[in-house]
Amino acid sequence: MGDLRIVLTGTEAWAIDAAAQQLRHAGHDVVEPDHQPLDGEAGSAPDECGCGVPSCPALVGADVVVTVRAHPLAGITRREAVVPAAVHHGIPIVVAGSSIPNPFVGDDMAVIEGIDDLAETCLALAAPARTLSMVAILG
């Protein structure tokens, strides 16, 4: 088990730290991006591929993006600004913790619910040949 490159973000530092510990213990390479400005904010990364979504250098080579939500929030926090770029580029995301309301789920995504193991979920979503953006909800 292991060997995935996982970009980890979330709403609270303590929740992110707990998830990072679990994922690293499972043997995954965990990358925690620096604060990513929201679209249009000073310091946003350039749109490198021409898609209209600011990119994040941490997404290069990412197999899965995990956001850990300590509290239910309708919107995306600054720490989670990398998630829309991941969704746009077809990188699977895992929403762990308080997932309702969920600002990451769209009509073009498959949602997997009722999963308890974060590391196993990341492995399952990183499997090749996905045709939809994938979102797993751990609650």
Foldseek 3Di string as FASTA:
>chain_A
DEDFEEEEFEDDPVQRVVVVVQRVVVHYRYHHADQAAAPPDPPFADPVPPPPQGAGPSCVRHLEYEYEYADDDLDADRSRRNLVVCQVVQRAYEYEHHCPPPNNDDPQEDEAEDDARPNVVSVVSSDPDDPTHYYYYHD
